[in-house]
Amino acid sequence: MNILLTGCRGFIGQNMFDAWKHEHNIIGIDIDEEIPSLYGYDLVVHVGGISSTTERDVTKLLYYNVDYTIKLAKFCSNYGIKLQVASSAGVYGDSQSFKETDSVNPLSPYAWSKAVMEHHLNGFDNVQIFRYFNVYGPHEEHKQNQASPYFKFRKQLIEQGHITLFENSFKYKRDFIHVNNLINIQEKFFHLDQVGIWNIGTGTNKSFYDVAYEVSIETGIPLKVEVIKMPESIAKYYQPYTLADTTKLRETLNF
């Protein structure tokens, strides 16, 4: 397939490019680059945009996460090209239910921008939207504080000999999915005509203490934990629990 991939320098984009470059003719662009002519492309995969969950510049979020995506969707529609778009489980907010038909309740400006983007794409007949849960894996180095706990905890344990956790982290549970699994799932949609919204997660979750323990086992370094209070600036927007409802995903892919 001839694929245009946006956000090719980002964490997920780099992994997608590496995974697909041997089987597909794939061209990657950065979110700041002009959208090229889409003539001859079979598919556009859009994972570019502002991915920082702590971004507070609403104008910036609207431009990169909403306006750019709508523009790309219109271009794809004009050429009859399918568009795959990355959204986020952040749109669910502090819900205890994570089904695609549930009402959204974004807590942060970032999650709000994704919810607005989804709303505007609702009328397109060529768009597949994927709500990513907590993704981790290679190429997270540049994400710094936005890196997954798997990456941050490993780095802390190796460099400092201990892992820093917020108070009550045993109560905070997330649906963590490895980026390779996400990529394999999304690739299965390449030849499917269905449009709409799908969760991409594992349907299971674990606490941050569980992740810290896994990292300790993996590295062979005894687990030492330093507990700190969650900053108020984070607590206001913090999503304490995620658990993907994968019913629709499993039904669509028949697994």
C-alpha atoms as a PDB file:
ATOM      1  CA  MET A   1       0.000   0.000   0.000  1.00  0.00           C
ATOM      2  CA  ASN A   2       1.002   3.623  -0.499  1.00  0.00           C
ATOM      3  CA  ILE A   3       0.712   5.218   2.933  1.00  0.00           C
ATOM      4  CA  LEU A   4       1.194   8.778   4.172  1.00  0.00           C
ATOM      5  CA  LEU A   5       2.086   8.854   7.861  1.00  0.00           C
ATOM      6  CA  THR A   6       1.927  12.081   9.863  1.00  0.00           C
ATOM      7  CA  GLY A   7       3.874  12.468  13.101  1.00  0.00           C
ATOM      8  CA  CYS A   8       6.629  10.174  11.873  1.00  0.00           C
ATOM      9  CA  ARG A   9       9.150  11.640  14.344  1.00  0.00           C
ATOM     10  CA  GLY A  10       6.959  11.017  17.370  1.00  0.00           C
ATOM     11  CA  PHE A  11       6.962   7.998  19.644  1.00  0.00           C
ATOM     12  CA  ILE A  12       4.133   6.066  17.975  1.00  0.00           C
ATOM     13  CA  GLY A  13       4.904   7.400  14.500  1.00  0.00           C
ATOM     14  CA  GLN A  14       8.518   6.205  14.600  1.00  0.00           C
ATOM     15  CA  ASN A  15       7.401   2.731  15.598  1.00  0.00           C
ATOM     16  CA  MET A  16       4.758   2.641  12.873  1.00  0.00           C
ATOM     17  CA  PHE A  17       7.255   3.705  10.229  1.00  0.00           C
ATOM     18  CA  ASP A  18       9.735   1.023  11.314  1.00  0.00           C
ATOM     19  CA  ALA A  19       7.037  -1.664  11.397  1.00  0.00           C
ATOM     20  CA  TRP A  20       5.486  -0.893   8.014  1.00  0.00           C
ATOM     21  CA  LYS A  21       8.377   0.305   5.853  1.00  0.00           C
ATOM     22  CA  HIS A  22       9.299  -3.168   4.622  1.00  0.00           C
ATOM     23  CA  GLU A  23       5.813  -4.182   3.478  1.00  0.00           C
ATOM     24  CA  HIS A  24       4.397  -0.844   2.328  1.00  0.00           C
ATOM     25  CA  ASN A  25       5.508   2.239   0.434  1.00  0.00           C
ATOM     26  CA  ILE A  26       5.332   4.689   3.316  1.00  0.00           C
ATOM     27  CA  ILE A  27       6.111   8.405   3.355  1.00  0.00           C
ATOM     28  CA  GLY A  28       6.399  10.168   6.698  1.00  0.00           C
ATOM     29  CA  ILE A  29       5.846  13.861   7.388  1.00  0.00           C
ATOM     30  CA  ASP A  30       6.046  15.971  10.517  1.00  0.00           C
ATOM     31  CA  ILE A  31       3.028  17.891  11.757  1.00  0.00           C
ATOM     32  CA  ASP A  32       4.701  21.208  10.882  1.00  0.00           C
ATOM     33  CA  GLU A  33       5.158  20.234   7.226  1.00  0.00           C
ATOM     34  CA  GLU A  34       2.684  21.071   4.497  1.00  0.00           C
ATOM     35  CA  ILE A  35       0.291  18.296   3.558  1.00  0.00           C
ATOM     36  CA  PRO A  36       1.515  16.988   0.183  1.00  0.00           C
ATOM     37  CA  SER A  37      -0.686  16.069  -2.748  1.00  0.00           C
ATOM     38  CA  LEU A  38      -2.527  12.899  -1.824  1.00  0.00           C
ATOM     39  CA  TYR A  39      -2.782  11.664  -5.369  1.00  0.00           C
ATOM     40  CA  GLY A  40      -1.691   8.022  -5.525  1.00  0.00           C
ATOM     41  CA  TYR A  41      -2.002   7.288  -1.820  1.00  0.00           C
ATOM     42  CA  ASP A  42      -4.181   4.430  -0.586  1.00  0.00           C
ATOM     43  CA  LEU A  43      -4.245   5.393   3.084  1.00  0.00           C
ATOM     44  CA  VAL A  44      -3.341   8.244   5.419  1.00  0.00           C
ATOM     45  CA  VAL A  45      -2.431   7.418   9.029  1.00  0.00           C
ATOM     46  CA  HIS A  46      -2.565  10.524  11.199  1.00  0.00           C
ATOM     47  CA  VAL A  47      -0.760  10.258  14.533  1.00  0.00           C
ATOM     48  CA  GLY A  48       0.782  13.742  14.426  1.00  0.00           C
ATOM     49  CA  GLY A  49      -0.291  16.533  16.752  1.00  0.00           C
ATOM     50  CA  ILE A  50       0.145  17.738  20.319  1.00  0.00           C
ATOM     51  CA  SER A  51       0.425  14.624  22.483  1.00  0.00           C
ATOM     52  CA  SER A  52       1.304  16.280  25.778  1.00  0.00           C
ATOM     53  CA  THR A  53      -1.508  15.728  28.265  1.00  0.00           C
ATOM     54  CA  THR A  54      -0.276  18.751  30.263  1.00  0.00           C
ATOM     55  CA  GLU A  55      -0.417  21.241  27.363  1.00  0.00           C
ATOM     56  CA  ARG A  56      -2.518  24.251  28.408  1.00  0.00           C
ATOM     57  CA  ASP A  57      -2.257  26.409  25.262  1.00  0.00           C
ATOM     58  CA  VAL A  58      -5.764  25.953  23.871  1.00  0.00           C
ATOM     59  CA  THR A  59      -5.008  27.874  20.676  1.00  0.00           C
ATOM     60  CA  LYS A  60      -2.104  25.538  19.954  1.00  0.00           C
ATOM     61  CA  LEU A  61      -4.200  22.469  20.707  1.00  0.00           C
ATOM     62  CA  LEU A  62      -7.005  23.658  18.449  1.00  0.00           C
ATOM     63  CA  TYR A  63      -4.632  24.308  15.570  1.00  0.00           C
ATOM     64  CA  TYR A  64      -2.661  21.058  15.682  1.00  0.00           C
ATOM     65  CA  ASN A  65      -5.201  18.587  17.071  1.00  0.00           C
ATOM     66  CA  VAL A  66      -8.424  19.902  15.538  1.00  0.00           C
ATOM     67  CA  ASP A  67      -7.936  22.246  12.564  1.00  0.00           C
ATOM     68  CA  TYR A  68      -5.081  20.286  10.979  1.00  0.00           C
ATOM     69  CA  THR A  69      -7.000  17.019  11.355  1.00  0.00           C
ATOM     70  CA  ILE A  70     -10.169  18.434   9.790  1.00  0.00           C
ATOM     71  CA  LYS A  71      -8.137  19.820   6.884  1.00  0.00           C
ATOM     72  CA  LEU A  72      -6.505  16.418   6.373  1.00  0.00           C
ATOM     73  CA  ALA A  73      -9.887  14.671   6.510  1.00  0.00           C
ATOM     74  CA  LYS A  74     -11.277  16.974   3.810  1.00  0.00           C
ATOM     75  CA  PHE A  75      -8.262  16.333   1.563  1.00  0.00           C
ATOM     76  CA  CYS A  76      -8.653  12.575   2.013  1.00  0.00           C
ATOM     77  CA  SER A  77     -12.366  12.775   1.312  1.00  0.00           C
ATOM     78  CA  ASN A  78     -11.733  14.679  -1.925  1.00  0.00           C
ATOM     79  CA  TYR A  79      -9.378  11.929  -3.119  1.00  0.00           C
ATOM     80  CA  GLY A  80     -11.492   9.046  -1.814  1.00  0.00           C
ATOM     81  CA  ILE A  81      -8.733   7.977   0.591  1.00  0.00           C
ATOM     82  CA  LYS A  82      -9.302   6.310   3.949  1.00  0.00           C
ATOM     83  CA  LEU A  83      -7.962   8.214   6.962  1.00  0.00           C
ATOM     84  CA  GLN A  84      -6.944   6.633  10.267  1.00  0.00           C
ATOM     85  CA  VAL A  85      -6.785   9.113  13.146  1.00  0.00           C
ATOM     86  CA  ALA A  86      -5.272   8.779  16.621  1.00  0.00           C
ATOM     87  CA  SER A  87      -7.517   9.895  19.454  1.00  0.00           C
ATOM     88  CA  SER A  88      -7.173   9.219  23.164  1.00  0.00           C
ATOM     89  CA  ALA A  89      -8.811   7.406  26.047  1.00  0.00           C
ATOM     90  CA  GLY A  90      -8.461  10.767  27.776  1.00  0.00           C
ATOM     91  CA  VAL A  91     -11.830  11.744  26.294  1.00  0.00           C
ATOM     92  CA  TYR A  92     -13.503   9.434  28.839  1.00  0.00           C
ATOM     93  CA  GLY A  93     -12.216  11.488  31.775  1.00  0.00           C
ATOM     94  CA  ASP A  94     -12.933  10.052  35.213  1.00  0.00           C
ATOM     95  CA  SER A  95     -15.511   7.578  33.915  1.00  0.00           C
ATOM     96  CA  GLN A  96     -15.596   4.000  35.148  1.00  0.00           C
ATOM     97  CA  SER A  97     -17.000   2.835  31.816  1.00  0.00           C
ATOM     98  CA  PHE A  98     -14.990   2.968  28.599  1.00  0.00           C
ATOM     99  CA  LYS A  99     -17.325   2.015  25.788  1.00  0.00           C
ATOM    100  CA  GLU A 100     -17.230   3.886  22.490  1.00  0.00           C
ATOM    101  CA  THR A 101     -20.927   4.790  22.789  1.00  0.00           C
ATOM    102  CA  ASP A 102     -20.471   6.374  26.245  1.00  0.00           C
ATOM    103  CA  SER A 103     -20.634  10.134  26.678  1.00  0.00           C
ATOM    104  CA  VAL A 104     -17.235  11.785  26.797  1.00  0.00           C
ATOM    105  CA  ASN A 105     -16.029  13.837  29.761  1.00  0.00           C
ATOM    106  CA  PRO A 106     -12.536  15.207  28.997  1.00  0.00           C
ATOM    107  CA  LEU A 107     -10.741  16.612  32.035  1.00  0.00           C
ATOM    108  CA  SER A 108      -7.744  18.304  30.405  1.00  0.00           C
ATOM    109  CA  PRO A 109      -7.412  20.748  27.488  1.00  0.00           C
ATOM    110  CA  TYR A 110      -5.555  18.000  25.597  1.00  0.00           C
ATOM    111  CA  ALA A 111      -8.387  15.495  26.054  1.00  0.00           C
ATOM    112  CA  TRP A 112     -10.915  18.213  25.191  1.00  0.00           C
ATOM    113  CA  SER A 113      -9.113  18.872  21.892  1.00  0.00           C
ATOM    114  CA  LYS A 114      -9.386  15.183  21.014  1.00  0.00           C
ATOM    115  CA  ALA A 115     -13.099  15.159  21.848  1.00  0.00           C
ATOM    116  CA  VAL A 116     -13.680  18.237  19.673  1.00  0.00           C
ATOM    117  CA  MET A 117     -11.712  16.626  16.848  1.00  0.00           C
ATOM    118  CA  GLU A 118     -13.837  13.467  17.053  1.00  0.00           C
ATOM    119  CA  HIS A 119     -17.015  15.550  16.964  1.00  0.00           C
ATOM    120  CA  HIS A 120     -15.989  17.338  13.774  1.00  0.00           C
ATOM    121  CA  LEU A 121     -15.012  14.088  12.033  1.00  0.00           C
ATOM    122  CA  ASN A 122     -18.326  12.451  12.819  1.00  0.00           C
ATOM    123  CA  GLY A 123     -19.837  13.274   9.411  1.00  0.00           C
ATOM    124  CA  PHE A 124     -17.012  11.849   7.289  1.00  0.00           C
ATOM    125  CA  ASP A 125     -17.547   8.479   5.616  1.00  0.00           C
ATOM    126  CA  ASN A 126     -13.844   7.654   5.229  1.00  0.00           C
ATOM    127  CA  VAL A 127     -12.460   8.065   8.763  1.00  0.00           C
ATOM    128  CA  GLN A 128     -11.462   5.428  11.310  1.00  0.00           C
ATOM    129  CA  ILE A 129     -10.787   6.908  14.758  1.00  0.00           C
ATOM    130  CA  PHE A 130      -8.788   4.988  17.340  1.00  0.00           C
ATOM    131  CA  ARG A 131      -8.858   5.893  21.018  1.00  0.00           C
ATOM    132  CA  TYR A 132      -5.425   4.887  22.255  1.00  0.00           C
ATOM    133  CA  PHE A 133      -5.135   3.831  25.865  1.00  0.00           C
ATOM    134  CA  ASN A 134      -1.784   4.009  27.693  1.00  0.00           C
ATOM    135  CA  VAL A 135       0.836   3.157  25.087  1.00  0.00           C
ATOM    136  CA  TYR A 136       4.455   2.302  25.914  1.00  0.00           C
ATOM    137  CA  GLY A 137       7.505   0.974  24.071  1.00  0.00           C
ATOM    138  CA  PRO A 138      10.632   2.037  22.138  1.00  0.00           C
ATOM    139  CA  HIS A 139      11.393   5.628  21.070  1.00  0.00           C
ATOM    140  CA  GLU A 140      10.011   7.325  24.178  1.00  0.00           C
ATOM    141  CA  GLU A 141      13.261   9.109  24.999  1.00  0.00           C
ATOM    142  CA  HIS A 142      12.192  12.541  23.758  1.00  0.00           C
ATOM    143  CA  LYS A 143       8.906  12.518  25.685  1.00  0.00           C
ATOM    144  CA  GLN A 144      10.600  13.290  29.026  1.00  0.00           C
ATOM    145  CA  ASN A 145       7.847  13.795  31.653  1.00  0.00           C
ATOM    146  CA  GLN A 146       5.241  12.566  29.170  1.00  0.00           C
ATOM    147  CA  ALA A 147       6.947   9.185  28.769  1.00  0.00           C
ATOM    148  CA  SER A 148       5.145   6.083  29.992  1.00  0.00           C
ATOM    149  CA  PRO A 149       5.758   4.822  33.547  1.00  0.00           C
ATOM    150  CA  TYR A 150       7.511   1.806  32.029  1.00  0.00           C
ATOM    151  CA  PHE A 151      10.127   4.087  30.518  1.00  0.00           C
ATOM    152  CA  LYS A 152      10.365   6.527  33.440  1.00  0.00           C
ATOM    153  CA  PHE A 153      10.490   3.857  36.134  1.00  0.00           C
ATOM    154  CA  ARG A 154      13.192   1.908  34.315  1.00  0.00           C
ATOM    155  CA  LYS A 155      15.275   5.069  33.940  1.00  0.00           C
ATOM    156  CA  GLN A 156      14.780   6.036  37.606  1.00  0.00           C
ATOM    157  CA  LEU A 157      15.649   2.593  38.924  1.00  0.00           C
ATOM    158  CA  ILE A 158      18.807   2.309  36.820  1.00  0.00           C
ATOM    159  CA  GLU A 159      20.051   5.857  37.403  1.00  0.00           C
ATOM    160  CA  GLN A 160      18.778   6.607  40.919  1.00  0.00           C
ATOM    161  CA  GLY A 161      18.194   3.218  42.497  1.00  0.00           C
ATOM    162  CA  HIS A 162      14.571   3.982  43.353  1.00  0.00           C
ATOM    163  CA  ILE A 163      11.220   4.740  41.718  1.00  0.00           C
ATOM    164  CA  THR A 164       9.150   7.808  42.546  1.00  0.00           C
ATOM    165  CA  LEU A 165       5.411   7.248  42.908  1.00  0.00           C
ATOM    166  CA  PHE A 166       2.542   9.552  43.826  1.00  0.00           C
ATOM    167  CA  GLU A 167       0.609   8.847  47.005  1.00  0.00           C
ATOM    168  CA  ASN A 168      -2.091   6.205  46.548  1.00  0.00           C
ATOM    169  CA  SER A 169      -0.536   4.962  43.302  1.00  0.00           C
ATOM    170  CA  PHE A 170      -1.760   1.468  44.127  1.00  0.00           C
ATOM    171  CA  LYS A 171      -5.264   2.864  43.466  1.00  0.00           C
ATOM    172  CA  TYR A 172      -4.381   4.420  40.106  1.00  0.00           C
ATOM    173  CA  LYS A 173      -4.900   1.793  37.434  1.00  0.00           C
ATOM    174  CA  ARG A 174      -4.372   2.105  33.698  1.00  0.00           C
ATOM    175  CA  ASP A 175      -4.837  -0.038  30.613  1.00  0.00           C
ATOM    176  CA  PHE A 176      -1.266  -0.264  29.294  1.00  0.00           C
ATOM    177  CA  ILE A 177      -0.709  -1.512  25.736  1.00  0.00           C
ATOM    178  CA  HIS A 178       2.657  -2.043  24.055  1.00  0.00           C
ATOM    179  CA  VAL A 179       3.077   0.026  20.910  1.00  0.00           C
ATOM    180  CA  ASN A 180       3.777  -3.079  18.798  1.00  0.00           C
ATOM    181  CA  ASN A 181       0.410  -4.556  19.756  1.00  0.00           C
ATOM    182  CA  LEU A 182      -1.313  -1.285  18.917  1.00  0.00           C
ATOM    183  CA  ILE A 183       0.386  -1.194  15.506  1.00  0.00           C
ATOM    184  CA  ASN A 184      -0.594  -4.793  14.733  1.00  0.00           C
ATOM    185  CA  ILE A 185      -4.207  -4.065  15.618  1.00  0.00           C
ATOM    186  CA  GLN A 186      -4.365  -0.878  13.585  1.00  0.00           C
ATOM    187  CA  GLU A 187      -2.824  -2.579  10.551  1.00  0.00           C
ATOM    188  CA  LYS A 188      -5.721  -5.053  10.545  1.00  0.00           C
ATOM    189  CA  PHE A 189      -7.978  -2.099   9.686  1.00  0.00           C
ATOM    190  CA  PHE A 190      -6.058  -1.261   6.498  1.00  0.00           C
ATOM    191  CA  HIS A 191      -8.375  -3.342   4.359  1.00  0.00           C
ATOM    192  CA  LEU A 192     -11.593  -2.828   6.327  1.00  0.00           C
ATOM    193  CA  ASP A 193     -14.199  -0.387   5.051  1.00  0.00           C
ATOM    194  CA  GLN A 194     -15.907   0.189   8.397  1.00  0.00           C
ATOM    195  CA  VAL A 195     -15.707   3.728   9.771  1.00  0.00           C
ATOM    196  CA  GLY A 196     -16.287   4.992  13.294  1.00  0.00           C
ATOM    197  CA  ILE A 197     -14.517   4.924  16.645  1.00  0.00           C
ATOM    198  CA  TRP A 198     -12.680   2.019  18.283  1.00  0.00           C
ATOM    199  CA  ASN A 199     -10.825   1.646  21.566  1.00  0.00           C
ATOM    200  CA  ILE A 200      -7.332   0.222  21.269  1.00  0.00           C
ATOM    201  CA  GLY A 201      -6.308  -1.235  24.600  1.00  0.00           C
ATOM    202  CA  THR A 202      -5.881  -4.622  26.238  1.00  0.00           C
ATOM    203  CA  GLY A 203      -9.098  -4.801  28.232  1.00  0.00           C
ATOM    204  CA  THR A 204      -7.045  -5.275  31.407  1.00  0.00           C
ATOM    205  CA  ASN A 205      -5.337  -2.805  33.706  1.00  0.00           C
ATOM    206  CA  LYS A 206      -2.730  -2.592  36.431  1.00  0.00           C
ATOM    207  CA  SER A 207      -1.619  -0.130  39.076  1.00  0.00           C
ATOM    208  CA  PHE A 208       1.520   1.966  38.942  1.00  0.00           C
ATOM    209  CA  TYR A 209       2.883  -0.187  41.768  1.00  0.00           C
ATOM    210  CA  ASP A 210       2.387  -3.219  39.530  1.00  0.00           C
ATOM    211  CA  VAL A 211       4.371  -1.518  36.762  1.00  0.00           C
ATOM    212  CA  ALA A 212       7.151  -0.598  39.199  1.00  0.00           C
ATOM    213  CA  TYR A 213       7.353  -4.232  40.310  1.00  0.00           C
ATOM    214  CA  GLU A 214       7.519  -5.429  36.683  1.00  0.00           C
ATOM    215  CA  VAL A 215      10.351  -3.027  35.934  1.00  0.00           C
ATOM    216  CA  SER A 216      12.226  -4.216  39.018  1.00  0.00           C
ATOM    217  CA  ILE A 217      11.929  -7.836  37.895  1.00  0.00           C
ATOM    218  CA  GLU A 218      12.961  -6.936  34.341  1.00  0.00           C
ATOM    219  CA  THR A 219      16.046  -4.997  35.368  1.00  0.00           C
ATOM    220  CA  GLY A 220      17.018  -7.268  38.261  1.00  0.00           C
ATOM    221  CA  ILE A 221      17.291  -4.226  40.535  1.00  0.00           C
ATOM    222  CA  PRO A 222      15.577  -4.491  43.940  1.00  0.00           C
ATOM    223  CA  LEU A 223      12.505  -2.295  44.121  1.00  0.00           C
ATOM    224  CA  LYS A 224      12.807   0.821  46.268  1.00  0.00           C
ATOM    225  CA  VAL A 225       9.993   3.371  46.208  1.00  0.00           C
ATOM    226  CA  GLU A 226       9.910   7.049  47.135  1.00  0.00           C
ATOM    227  CA  VAL A 227       6.353   8.321  47.658  1.00  0.00           C
ATOM    228  CA  ILE A 228       5.539  11.972  46.957  1.00  0.00           C
ATOM    229  CA  LYS A 229       2.382  14.062  46.977  1.00  0.00           C
ATOM    230  CA  MET A 230       0.758  14.656  43.595  1.00  0.00           C
ATOM    231  CA  PRO A 231       1.135  18.326  42.567  1.00  0.00           C
ATOM    232  CA  GLU A 232      -2.146  20.224  42.453  1.00  0.00           C
ATOM    233  CA  SER A 233      -1.446  21.257  38.861  1.00  0.00           C
ATOM    234  CA  ILE A 234      -1.564  17.577  37.887  1.00  0.00           C
ATOM    235  CA  ALA A 235      -4.282  16.393  40.264  1.00  0.00           C
ATOM    236  CA  LYS A 236      -6.862  18.696  38.665  1.00  0.00           C
ATOM    237  CA  TYR A 237      -6.624  16.892  35.323  1.00  0.00           C
ATOM    238  CA  TYR A 238      -5.507  13.453  36.471  1.00  0.00           C
ATOM    239  CA  GLN A 239      -7.244  10.385  35.034  1.00  0.00           C
ATOM    240  CA  PRO A 240      -7.037   7.795  37.816  1.00  0.00           C
ATOM    241  CA  TYR A 241      -8.445   4.775  36.005  1.00  0.00           C
ATOM    242  CA  THR A 242      -8.657   3.431  32.462  1.00  0.00           C
ATOM    243  CA  LEU A 243      -9.902   0.088  31.179  1.00  0.00           C
ATOM    244  CA  ALA A 244     -10.698  -0.309  27.496  1.00  0.00           C
ATOM    245  CA  ASP A 245     -13.962  -1.964  26.574  1.00  0.00           C
ATOM    246  CA  THR A 246     -12.684  -4.030  23.653  1.00  0.00           C
ATOM    247  CA  THR A 247     -16.036  -5.568  22.671  1.00  0.00           C
ATOM    248  CA  LYS A 248     -16.418  -3.535  19.471  1.00  0.00           C
ATOM    249  CA  LEU A 249     -12.764  -4.077  18.530  1.00  0.00           C
ATOM    250  CA  ARG A 250     -13.013  -7.832  18.952  1.00  0.00           C
ATOM    251  CA  GLU A 251     -16.288  -7.994  17.023  1.00  0.00           C
ATOM    252  CA  THR A 252     -14.888  -5.898  14.149  1.00  0.00           C
ATOM    253  CA  LEU A 253     -11.709  -7.965  13.838  1.00  0.00           C
ATOM    254  CA  ASN A 254     -13.393 -11.261  14.726  1.00  0.00           C
ATOM    255  CA  PHE A 255     -11.032 -12.200  17.545  1.00  0.00           C
END
